[in-house]
Amino acid sequence: SYILLEGEVELLQPAPDGGEESVGMLRPPDILGAEELI
């Protein structure tokens, strides 16, 4: 899990065409990886 202190992170997930698509942006103080932990 990661807590954003500064900057910006783009979340990606597999796209139907085989690439990746954006599903949102995280900004401080967002948490990354909460769902995987649960």
Full PDB file with SEQRES, HELIX, SHEET, SSBOND, CRYST1, ORIGX, SCALE, CONECT and MASTER records, all heavy atoms in Angstrom:
SEQRES   1 A   38  SER TYR ILE LEU LEU GLU GLY GLU VAL GLU LEU LEU GLN          
SEQRES   2 A   38  PRO ALA PRO ASP GLY GLY GLU GLU SER VAL GLY MET LEU          
SEQRES   3 A   38  ARG PRO PRO ASP ILE LEU GLY ALA GLU GLU LEU ILE              
HELIX    1 AA1 ALA A   34  LEU A   37  1                                   4    
SHEET    1 AA1 2 TYR A   2  ILE A   3  0                                        
SHEET    2 AA1 2 ILE A  31  LEU A  32 -1                                        
SHEET    1 AA2 2 VAL A   9  PRO A  14  0                                        
SHEET    2 AA2 2 GLU A  20  LEU A  26 -1                                        
CRYST1    1.000    1.000    1.000  90.00  90.00  90.00 P 1           1          
ORIGX1      1.000000  0.000000  0.000000        0.00000                         
ORIGX2      0.000000  1.000000  0.000000        0.00000                         
ORIGX3      0.000000  0.000000  1.000000        0.00000                         
SCALE1      1.000000  0.000000  0.000000        0.00000                         
SCALE2      0.000000  1.000000  0.000000        0.00000                         
SCALE3      0.000000  0.000000  1.000000        0.00000                         
ATOM      1  N   SER A   1       0.846  -1.186   0.000  1.00  0.00           N  
ATOM      2  CA  SER A   1       0.000   0.000   0.000  1.00  0.00           C  
ATOM      3  C   SER A   1       0.885   1.241   0.000  1.00  0.00           C  
ATOM      4  O   SER A   1       1.981   1.243   0.576  1.00  0.00           O  
ATOM      5  CB  SER A   1      -0.921   0.001   1.223  1.00  0.00           C  
ATOM      6  OG  SER A   1      -1.844  -1.054   1.147  1.00  0.00           O  
ATOM      7  N   TYR A   2       0.413   2.283  -0.650  1.00  0.00           N  
ATOM      8  CA  TYR A   2       1.188   3.513  -0.796  1.00  0.00           C  
ATOM      9  C   TYR A   2       0.305   4.707  -0.460  1.00  0.00           C  
ATOM     10  O   TYR A   2      -0.848   4.771  -0.875  1.00  0.00           O  
ATOM     11  CB  TYR A   2       1.708   3.664  -2.228  1.00  0.00           C  
ATOM     12  CG  TYR A   2       2.553   2.501  -2.702  1.00  0.00           C  
ATOM     13  CD1 TYR A   2       1.950   1.373  -3.255  1.00  0.00           C  
ATOM     14  CD2 TYR A   2       3.940   2.524  -2.593  1.00  0.00           C  
ATOM     15  CE1 TYR A   2       2.715   0.300  -3.687  1.00  0.00           C  
ATOM     16  CE2 TYR A   2       4.710   1.456  -3.030  1.00  0.00           C  
ATOM     17  CZ  TYR A   2       4.089   0.344  -3.580  1.00  0.00           C  
ATOM     18  OH  TYR A   2       4.844  -0.717  -4.006  1.00  0.00           O  
ATOM     19  N   ILE A   3       0.864   5.631   0.268  1.00  0.00           N  
ATOM     20  CA  ILE A   3       0.181   6.893   0.575  1.00  0.00           C  
ATOM     21  C   ILE A   3       0.886   7.996  -0.203  1.00  0.00           C  
ATOM     22  O   ILE A   3       2.099   8.178  -0.069  1.00  0.00           O  
ATOM     23  CB  ILE A   3       0.221   7.188   2.084  1.00  0.00           C  
ATOM     24  CG1 ILE A   3      -0.438   6.053   2.867  1.00  0.00           C  
ATOM     25  CG2 ILE A   3      -0.475   8.517   2.393  1.00  0.00           C  
ATOM     26  CD1 ILE A   3      -0.322   6.201   4.375  1.00  0.00           C  
ATOM     27  N   LEU A   4       0.126   8.702  -1.024  1.00  0.00           N  
ATOM     28  CA  LEU A   4       0.719   9.765  -1.833  1.00  0.00           C  
ATOM     29  C   LEU A   4       0.979  10.992  -0.973  1.00  0.00           C  
ATOM     30  O   LEU A   4       0.067  11.494  -0.306  1.00  0.00           O  
ATOM     31  CB  LEU A   4      -0.201  10.136  -2.995  1.00  0.00           C  
ATOM     32  CG  LEU A   4       0.018   9.346  -4.302  1.00  0.00           C  
ATOM     33  CD1 LEU A   4      -0.393   7.903  -4.140  1.00  0.00           C  
ATOM     34  CD2 LEU A   4      -0.734  10.008  -5.433  1.00  0.00           C  
ATOM     35  N   LEU A   5       2.218  11.455  -1.004  1.00  0.00           N  
ATOM     36  CA  LEU A   5       2.590  12.663  -0.282  1.00  0.00           C  
ATOM     37  C   LEU A   5       2.609  13.875  -1.199  1.00  0.00           C  
ATOM     38  O   LEU A   5       2.253  14.980  -0.801  1.00  0.00           O  
ATOM     39  CB  LEU A   5       3.959  12.480   0.383  1.00  0.00           C  
ATOM     40  CG  LEU A   5       4.062  11.324   1.380  1.00  0.00           C  
ATOM     41  CD1 LEU A   5       5.470  11.269   1.973  1.00  0.00           C  
ATOM     42  CD2 LEU A   5       3.028  11.454   2.485  1.00  0.00           C  
ATOM     43  N   GLU A   6       3.034  13.679  -2.436  1.00  0.00           N  
ATOM     44  CA  GLU A   6       3.007  14.749  -3.432  1.00  0.00           C  
ATOM     45  C   GLU A   6       3.064  14.119  -4.811  1.00  0.00           C  
ATOM     46  O   GLU A   6       3.525  12.987  -4.977  1.00  0.00           O  
ATOM     47  CB  GLU A   6       4.176  15.714  -3.235  1.00  0.00           C  
ATOM     48  CG  GLU A   6       5.549  15.089  -3.342  1.00  0.00           C  
ATOM     49  CD  GLU A   6       6.663  16.100  -3.123  1.00  0.00           C  
ATOM     50  OE1 GLU A   6       6.351  17.284  -2.927  1.00  0.00           O  
ATOM     51  OE2 GLU A   6       7.842  15.706  -3.151  1.00  0.00           O  
ATOM     52  N   GLY A   7       2.555  14.842  -5.799  1.00  0.00           N  
ATOM     53  CA  GLY A   7       2.562  14.344  -7.165  1.00  0.00           C  
ATOM     54  C   GLY A   7       1.209  13.813  -7.590  1.00  0.00           C  
ATOM     55  O   GLY A   7       0.176  14.153  -7.012  1.00  0.00           O  
ATOM     56  N   GLU A   8       1.229  12.946  -8.604  1.00  0.00           N  
ATOM     57  CA  GLU A   8      -0.002  12.430  -9.184  1.00  0.00           C  
ATOM     58  C   GLU A   8       0.269  11.054  -9.771  1.00  0.00           C  
ATOM     59  O   GLU A   8       1.308  10.819 -10.391  1.00  0.00           O  
ATOM     60  CB  GLU A   8      -0.491  13.383 -10.286  1.00  0.00           C  
ATOM     61  CG  GLU A   8      -1.897  13.128 -10.765  1.00  0.00           C  
ATOM     62  CD  GLU A   8      -2.349  14.224 -11.731  1.00  0.00           C  
ATOM     63  OE1 GLU A   8      -1.813  14.239 -12.854  1.00  0.00           O  
ATOM     64  OE2 GLU A   8      -3.218  15.034 -11.377  1.00  0.00           O  
ATOM     65  N   VAL A   9      -0.680  10.130  -9.572  1.00  0.00           N  
ATOM     66  CA  VAL A   9      -0.537   8.755 -10.052  1.00  0.00           C  
ATOM     67  C   VAL A   9      -1.780   8.381 -10.851  1.00  0.00           C  
ATOM     68  O   VAL A   9      -2.909   8.624 -10.412  1.00  0.00           O  
ATOM     69  CB  VAL A   9      -0.352   7.764  -8.878  1.00  0.00           C  
ATOM     70  CG1 VAL A   9      -0.381   6.322  -9.375  1.00  0.00           C  
ATOM     71  CG2 VAL A   9       0.955   8.040  -8.150  1.00  0.00           C  
ATOM     72  N   GLU A  10      -1.573   7.786 -12.008  1.00  0.00           N  
ATOM     73  CA  GLU A  10      -2.675   7.346 -12.853  1.00  0.00           C  
ATOM     74  C   GLU A  10      -2.879   5.845 -12.665  1.00  0.00           C  
ATOM     75  O   GLU A  10      -1.931   5.061 -12.767  1.00  0.00           O  
ATOM     76  CB  GLU A  10      -2.373   7.635 -14.322  1.00  0.00           C  
ATOM     77  CG  GLU A  10      -3.494   7.241 -15.267  1.00  0.00           C  
ATOM     78  CD  GLU A  10      -3.166   7.548 -16.718  1.00  0.00           C  
ATOM     79  OE1 GLU A  10      -1.969   7.702 -17.036  1.00  0.00           O  
ATOM     80  OE2 GLU A  10      -4.099   7.631 -17.530  1.00  0.00           O  
ATOM     81  N   LEU A  11      -4.118   5.447 -12.392  1.00  0.00           N  
ATOM     82  CA  LEU A  11      -4.449   4.029 -12.241  1.00  0.00           C  
ATOM     83  C   LEU A  11      -4.785   3.435 -13.599  1.00  0.00           C  
ATOM     84  O   LEU A  11      -5.506   4.044 -14.398  1.00  0.00           O  
ATOM     85  CB  LEU A  11      -5.638   3.858 -11.293  1.00  0.00           C  
ATOM     86  CG  LEU A  11      -5.415   4.214  -9.827  1.00  0.00           C  
ATOM     87  CD1 LEU A  11      -6.691   3.963  -9.039  1.00  0.00           C  
ATOM     88  CD2 LEU A  11      -4.267   3.431  -9.238  1.00  0.00           C  
ATOM     89  N   LEU A  12      -4.299   2.235 -13.843  1.00  0.00           N  
ATOM     90  CA  LEU A  12      -4.487   1.567 -15.131  1.00  0.00           C  
ATOM     91  C   LEU A  12      -5.040   0.174 -14.913  1.00  0.00           C  
ATOM     92  O   LEU A  12      -4.776  -0.467 -13.896  1.00  0.00           O  
ATOM     93  CB  LEU A  12      -3.152   1.468 -15.879  1.00  0.00           C  
ATOM     94  CG  LEU A  12      -2.414   2.779 -16.128  1.00  0.00           C  
ATOM     95  CD1 LEU A  12      -0.991   2.505 -16.589  1.00  0.00           C  
ATOM     96  CD2 LEU A  12      -3.153   3.629 -17.151  1.00  0.00           C  
ATOM     97  N   GLN A  13      -5.818  -0.286 -15.884  1.00  0.00           N  
ATOM     98  CA  GLN A  13      -6.300  -1.660 -15.867  1.00  0.00           C  
ATOM     99  C   GLN A  13      -6.296  -2.190 -17.294  1.00  0.00           C  
ATOM    100  O   GLN A  13      -6.300  -1.417 -18.251  1.00  0.00           O  
ATOM    101  CB  GLN A  13      -7.707  -1.745 -15.270  1.00  0.00           C  
ATOM    102  CG  GLN A  13      -8.802  -1.163 -16.128  1.00  0.00           C  
ATOM    103  CD  GLN A  13     -10.176  -1.317 -15.496  1.00  0.00           C  
ATOM    104  OE1 GLN A  13     -10.302  -1.668 -14.328  1.00  0.00           O  
ATOM    105  NE2 GLN A  13     -11.223  -1.080 -16.271  1.00  0.00           N  
ATOM    106  N   PRO A  14      -6.248  -3.530 -17.463  1.00  0.00           N  
ATOM    107  CA  PRO A  14      -6.214  -4.098 -18.807  1.00  0.00           C  
ATOM    108  C   PRO A  14      -7.416  -3.666 -19.649  1.00  0.00           C  
ATOM    109  O   PRO A  14      -8.546  -3.647 -19.156  1.00  0.00           O  
ATOM    110  CB  PRO A  14      -6.224  -5.611 -18.547  1.00  0.00           C  
ATOM    111  CG  PRO A  14      -5.681  -5.761 -17.167  1.00  0.00           C  
ATOM    112  CD  PRO A  14      -6.154  -4.560 -16.410  1.00  0.00           C  
ATOM    113  N   ALA A  15      -7.155  -3.313 -20.891  1.00  0.00           N  
ATOM    114  CA  ALA A  15      -8.208  -2.896 -21.819  1.00  0.00           C  
ATOM    115  C   ALA A  15      -8.601  -4.072 -22.711  1.00  0.00           C  
ATOM    116  O   ALA A  15      -7.826  -5.016 -22.889  1.00  0.00           O  
ATOM    117  CB  ALA A  15      -7.723  -1.723 -22.666  1.00  0.00           C  
ATOM    118  N   PRO A  16      -9.798  -4.041 -23.286  1.00  0.00           N  
ATOM    119  CA  PRO A  16     -10.234  -5.141 -24.158  1.00  0.00           C  
ATOM    120  C   PRO A  16      -9.320  -5.382 -25.357  1.00  0.00           C  
ATOM    121  O   PRO A  16      -9.230  -6.506 -25.855  1.00  0.00           O  
ATOM    122  CB  PRO A  16     -11.634  -4.685 -24.618  1.00  0.00           C  
ATOM    123  CG  PRO A  16     -12.103  -3.754 -23.553  1.00  0.00           C  
ATOM    124  CD  PRO A  16     -10.877  -3.055 -23.073  1.00  0.00           C  
ATOM    125  N   ASP A  17      -8.631  -4.325 -25.828  1.00  0.00           N  
ATOM    126  CA  ASP A  17      -7.765  -4.480 -26.993  1.00  0.00           C  
ATOM    127  C   ASP A  17      -6.383  -5.023 -26.635  1.00  0.00           C  
ATOM    128  O   ASP A  17      -5.507  -5.135 -27.488  1.00  0.00           O  
ATOM    129  CB  ASP A  17      -7.629  -3.147 -27.728  1.00  0.00           C  
ATOM    130  CG  ASP A  17      -7.027  -2.058 -26.834  1.00  0.00           C  
ATOM    131  OD1 ASP A  17      -6.672  -2.355 -25.676  1.00  0.00           O  
ATOM    132  OD2 ASP A  17      -6.923  -0.904 -27.314  1.00  0.00           O  
ATOM    133  N   GLY A  18      -6.177  -5.367 -25.369  1.00  0.00           N  
ATOM    134  CA  GLY A  18      -4.898  -5.922 -24.960  1.00  0.00           C  
ATOM    135  C   GLY A  18      -3.959  -4.917 -24.325  1.00  0.00           C  
ATOM    136  O   GLY A  18      -2.950  -5.300 -23.725  1.00  0.00           O  
ATOM    137  N   GLY A  19      -4.266  -3.644 -24.444  1.00  0.00           N  
ATOM    138  CA  GLY A  19      -3.434  -2.614 -23.837  1.00  0.00           C  
ATOM    139  C   GLY A  19      -3.892  -2.285 -22.430  1.00  0.00           C  
ATOM    140  O   GLY A  19      -4.403  -3.146 -21.709  1.00  0.00           O  
ATOM    141  N   GLU A  20      -3.719  -1.025 -22.034  1.00  0.00           N  
ATOM    142  CA  GLU A  20      -4.155  -0.571 -20.728  1.00  0.00           C  
ATOM    143  C   GLU A  20      -4.983   0.698 -20.883  1.00  0.00           C  
ATOM    144  O   GLU A  20      -4.756   1.478 -21.804  1.00  0.00           O  
ATOM    145  CB  GLU A  20      -2.953  -0.288 -19.809  1.00  0.00           C  
ATOM    146  CG  GLU A  20      -2.211  -1.534 -19.369  1.00  0.00           C  
ATOM    147  CD  GLU A  20      -1.096  -1.208 -18.399  1.00  0.00           C  
ATOM    148  OE1 GLU A  20      -0.348  -0.236 -18.673  1.00  0.00           O  
ATOM    149  OE2 GLU A  20      -0.949  -1.905 -17.387  1.00  0.00           O  
ATOM    150  N   GLU A  21      -5.948   0.869 -19.982  1.00  0.00           N  
ATOM    151  CA  GLU A  21      -6.787   2.055 -20.002  1.00  0.00           C  
ATOM    152  C   GLU A  21      -6.791   2.696 -18.628  1.00  0.00           C  
ATOM    153  O   GLU A  21      -6.659   2.024 -17.606  1.00  0.00           O  
ATOM    154  CB  GLU A  21      -8.216   1.711 -20.433  1.00  0.00           C  
ATOM    155  CG  GLU A  21      -8.922   0.715 -19.527  1.00  0.00           C  
ATOM    156  CD  GLU A  21     -10.307   0.373 -20.028  1.00  0.00           C  
ATOM    157  OE1 GLU A  21     -10.699   0.903 -21.085  1.00  0.00           O  
ATOM    158  OE2 GLU A  21     -10.997  -0.429 -19.367  1.00  0.00           O  
ATOM    159  N   SER A  22      -6.948   4.009 -18.609  1.00  0.00           N  
ATOM    160  CA  SER A  22      -6.950   4.760 -17.363  1.00  0.00           C  
ATOM    161  C   SER A  22      -8.298   4.642 -16.671  1.00  0.00           C  
ATOM    162  O   SER A  22      -9.345   4.696 -17.319  1.00  0.00           O  
ATOM    163  CB  SER A  22      -6.631   6.232 -17.638  1.00  0.00           C  
ATOM    164  OG  SER A  22      -6.730   6.997 -16.456  1.00  0.00           O  
ATOM    165  N   VAL A  23      -8.260   4.467 -15.350  1.00  0.00           N  
ATOM    166  CA  VAL A  23      -9.499   4.379 -14.579  1.00  0.00           C  
ATOM    167  C   VAL A  23      -9.568   5.455 -13.498  1.00  0.00           C  
ATOM    168  O   VAL A  23     -10.469   5.437 -12.665  1.00  0.00           O  
ATOM    169  CB  VAL A  23      -9.657   2.981 -13.938  1.00  0.00           C  
ATOM    170  CG1 VAL A  23      -9.871   1.925 -14.998  1.00  0.00           C  
ATOM    171  CG2 VAL A  23      -8.453   2.636 -13.072  1.00  0.00           C  
ATOM    172  N   GLY A  24      -8.631   6.399 -13.508  1.00  0.00           N  
ATOM    173  CA  GLY A  24      -8.686   7.484 -12.543  1.00  0.00           C  
ATOM    174  C   GLY A  24      -7.312   7.970 -12.129  1.00  0.00           C  
ATOM    175  O   GLY A  24      -6.289   7.347 -12.449  1.00  0.00           O  
ATOM    176  N   MET A  25      -7.305   9.095 -11.445  1.00  0.00           N  
ATOM    177  CA  MET A  25      -6.071   9.709 -10.977  1.00  0.00           C  
ATOM    178  C   MET A  25      -6.082   9.786  -9.455  1.00  0.00           C  
ATOM    179  O   MET A  25      -7.114  10.065  -8.844  1.00  0.00           O  
ATOM    180  CB  MET A  25      -5.920  11.118 -11.554  1.00  0.00           C  
ATOM    181  CG  MET A  25      -5.998  11.192 -13.081  1.00  0.00           C  
ATOM    182  SD  MET A  25      -4.647  10.340 -13.909  1.00  0.00           S  
ATOM    183  CE  MET A  25      -3.254  11.338 -13.379  1.00  0.00           C  
ATOM    184  N   LEU A  26      -4.940   9.525  -8.859  1.00  0.00           N  
ATOM    185  CA  LEU A  26      -4.781   9.648  -7.419  1.00  0.00           C  
ATOM    186  C   LEU A  26      -3.918  10.865  -7.119  1.00  0.00           C  
ATOM    187  O   LEU A  26      -2.937  11.127  -7.820  1.00  0.00           O  
ATOM    188  CB  LEU A  26      -4.124   8.403  -6.834  1.00  0.00           C  
ATOM    189  CG  LEU A  26      -4.922   7.097  -6.924  1.00  0.00           C  
ATOM    190  CD1 LEU A  26      -4.115   5.957  -6.317  1.00  0.00           C  
ATOM    191  CD2 LEU A  26      -6.265   7.228  -6.234  1.00  0.00           C  
ATOM    192  N   ARG A  27      -4.318  11.585  -6.059  1.00  0.00           N  
ATOM    193  CA  ARG A  27      -3.588  12.775  -5.638  1.00  0.00           C  
ATOM    194  C   ARG A  27      -3.455  12.746  -4.111  1.00  0.00           C  
ATOM    195  O   ARG A  27      -4.226  12.077  -3.439  1.00  0.00           O  
ATOM    196  CB  ARG A  27      -4.318  14.040  -6.101  1.00  0.00           C  
ATOM    197  CG  ARG A  27      -4.484  14.115  -7.626  1.00  0.00           C  
ATOM    198  CD  ARG A  27      -5.378  15.269  -8.055  1.00  0.00           C  
ATOM    199  NE  ARG A  27      -5.569  15.300  -9.504  1.00  0.00           N  
ATOM    200  CZ  ARG A  27      -6.512  14.620 -10.143  1.00  0.00           C  
ATOM    201  NH1 ARG A  27      -7.365  13.862  -9.462  1.00  0.00           N  
ATOM    202  NH2 ARG A  27      -6.615  14.687 -11.454  1.00  0.00           N  
ATOM    203  N   PRO A  28      -2.492  13.455  -3.546  1.00  0.00           N  
ATOM    204  CA  PRO A  28      -2.318  13.452  -2.085  1.00  0.00           C  
ATOM    205  C   PRO A  28      -3.603  13.853  -1.375  1.00  0.00           C  
ATOM    206  O   PRO A  28      -4.295  14.769  -1.837  1.00  0.00           O  
ATOM    207  CB  PRO A  28      -1.218  14.492  -1.860  1.00  0.00           C  
ATOM    208  CG  PRO A  28      -0.484  14.555  -3.156  1.00  0.00           C  
ATOM    209  CD  PRO A  28      -1.516  14.323  -4.218  1.00  0.00           C  
ATOM    210  N   PRO A  29      -3.986  13.180  -0.304  1.00  0.00           N  
ATOM    211  CA  PRO A  29      -3.295  12.070   0.379  1.00  0.00           C  
ATOM    212  C   PRO A  29      -3.949  10.725   0.072  1.00  0.00           C  
ATOM    213  O   PRO A  29      -4.246   9.951   0.997  1.00  0.00           O  
ATOM    214  CB  PRO A  29      -3.461  12.444   1.839  1.00  0.00           C  
ATOM    215  CG  PRO A  29      -4.848  13.059   1.882  1.00  0.00           C  
ATOM    216  CD  PRO A  29      -5.063  13.731   0.540  1.00  0.00           C  
ATOM    217  N   ASP A  30      -4.218  10.424  -1.186  1.00  0.00           N  
ATOM    218  CA  ASP A  30      -4.884   9.180  -1.559  1.00  0.00           C  
ATOM    219  C   ASP A  30      -4.029   7.967  -1.211  1.00  0.00           C  
ATOM    220  O   ASP A  30      -2.806   8.056  -1.075  1.00  0.00           O  
ATOM    221  CB  ASP A  30      -5.201   9.167  -3.057  1.00  0.00           C  
ATOM    222  CG  ASP A  30      -6.287  10.165  -3.418  1.00  0.00           C  
ATOM    223  OD1 ASP A  30      -6.986  10.616  -2.495  1.00  0.00           O  
ATOM    224  OD2 ASP A  30      -6.439  10.492  -4.611  1.00  0.00           O  
ATOM    225  N   ILE A  31      -4.723   6.820  -1.097  1.00  0.00           N  
ATOM    226  CA  ILE A  31      -4.063   5.554  -0.784  1.00  0.00           C  
ATOM    227  C   ILE A  31      -4.152   4.642  -1.989  1.00  0.00           C  
ATOM    228  O   ILE A  31      -5.218   4.477  -2.595  1.00  0.00           O  
ATOM    229  CB  ILE A  31      -4.707   4.874   0.438  1.00  0.00           C  
ATOM    230  CG1 ILE A  31      -4.611   5.773   1.671  1.00  0.00           C  
ATOM    231  CG2 ILE A  31      -4.065   3.520   0.712  1.00  0.00           C  
ATOM    232  CD1 ILE A  31      -5.314   5.218   2.893  1.00  0.00           C  
ATOM    233  N   LEU A  32      -3.063   4.026  -2.328  1.00  0.00           N  
ATOM    234  CA  LEU A  32      -2.993   3.091  -3.446  1.00  0.00           C  
ATOM    235  C   LEU A  32      -2.784   1.685  -2.895  1.00  0.00           C  
ATOM    236  O   LEU A  32      -1.899   1.471  -2.072  1.00  0.00           O  
ATOM    237  CB  LEU A  32      -1.829   3.473  -4.361  1.00  0.00           C  
ATOM    238  CG  LEU A  32      -1.580   2.600  -5.592  1.00  0.00           C  
ATOM    239  CD1 LEU A  32      -2.766   2.646  -6.536  1.00  0.00           C  
ATOM    240  CD2 LEU A  32      -0.323   3.057  -6.299  1.00  0.00           C  
ATOM    241  N   GLY A  33      -3.636   0.749  -3.325  1.00  0.00           N  
ATOM    242  CA  GLY A  33      -3.492  -0.636  -2.882  1.00  0.00           C  
ATOM    243  C   GLY A  33      -4.414  -1.040  -1.756  1.00  0.00           C  
ATOM    244  O   GLY A  33      -4.233  -2.116  -1.168  1.00  0.00           O  
ATOM    245  N   ALA A  34      -5.417  -0.230  -1.441  1.00  0.00           N  
ATOM    246  CA  ALA A  34      -6.320  -0.564  -0.326  1.00  0.00           C  
ATOM    247  C   ALA A  34      -7.153  -1.805  -0.632  1.00  0.00           C  
ATOM    248  O   ALA A  34      -7.306  -2.687   0.206  1.00  0.00           O  
ATOM    249  CB  ALA A  34      -7.240   0.623  -0.036  1.00  0.00           C  
ATOM    250  N   GLU A  35      -7.651  -1.886  -1.854  1.00  0.00           N  
ATOM    251  CA  GLU A  35      -8.515  -3.009  -2.198  1.00  0.00           C  
ATOM    252  C   GLU A  35      -7.758  -4.331  -2.176  1.00  0.00           C  
ATOM    253  O   GLU A  35      -8.261  -5.353  -1.710  1.00  0.00           O  
ATOM    254  CB  GLU A  35      -9.135  -2.794  -3.578  1.00  0.00           C  
ATOM    255  CG  GLU A  35     -10.117  -3.882  -3.967  1.00  0.00           C  
ATOM    256  CD  GLU A  35     -10.805  -3.603  -5.285  1.00  0.00           C  
ATOM    257  OE1 GLU A  35     -10.724  -2.457  -5.771  1.00  0.00           O  
ATOM    258  OE2 GLU A  35     -11.409  -4.536  -5.823  1.00  0.00           O  
ATOM    259  N   GLU A  36      -6.526  -4.327  -2.672  1.00  0.00           N  
ATOM    260  CA  GLU A  36      -5.725  -5.544  -2.677  1.00  0.00           C  
ATOM    261  C   GLU A  36      -5.471  -6.044  -1.256  1.00  0.00           C  
ATOM    262  O   GLU A  36      -5.428  -7.243  -1.000  1.00  0.00           O  
ATOM    263  CB  GLU A  36      -4.394  -5.299  -3.388  1.00  0.00           C  
ATOM    264  CG  GLU A  36      -4.521  -5.154  -4.886  1.00  0.00           C  
ATOM    265  CD  GLU A  36      -5.073  -3.797  -5.311  1.00  0.00           C  
ATOM    266  OE1 GLU A  36      -5.150  -2.882  -4.468  1.00  0.00           O  
ATOM    267  OE2 GLU A  36      -5.437  -3.636  -6.470  1.00  0.00           O  
ATOM    268  N   LEU A  37      -5.322  -5.117  -0.326  1.00  0.00           N  
ATOM    269  CA  LEU A  37      -5.112  -5.496   1.065  1.00  0.00           C  
ATOM    270  C   LEU A  37      -6.355  -6.160   1.643  1.00  0.00           C  
ATOM    271  O   LEU A  37      -6.267  -7.159   2.359  1.00  0.00           O  
ATOM    272  CB  LEU A  37      -4.748  -4.263   1.901  1.00  0.00           C  
ATOM    273  CG  LEU A  37      -4.650  -4.495   3.409  1.00  0.00           C  
ATOM    274  CD1 LEU A  37      -3.404  -5.303   3.733  1.00  0.00           C  
ATOM    275  CD2 LEU A  37      -4.649  -3.178   4.158  1.00  0.00           C  
ATOM    276  N   ILE A  38      -7.530  -5.647   1.315  1.00  0.00           N  
ATOM    277  CA  ILE A  38      -8.773  -6.156   1.877  1.00  0.00           C  
ATOM    278  C   ILE A  38      -9.108  -7.528   1.317  1.00  0.00           C  
ATOM    279  O   ILE A  38      -9.439  -8.464   2.045  1.00  0.00           O  
ATOM    280  CB  ILE A  38      -9.927  -5.160   1.625  1.00  0.00           C  
ATOM    281  CG1 ILE A  38      -9.674  -3.851   2.386  1.00  0.00           C  
ATOM    282  CG2 ILE A  38     -11.257  -5.769   2.030  1.00  0.00           C  
ATOM    283  CD1 ILE A  38      -9.579  -4.001   3.871  1.00  0.00           C  
TER     284      ILE A  38                                                      
MASTER        0    0    0    1    4    0    0    6  283    1    0    3          
END                                                                             
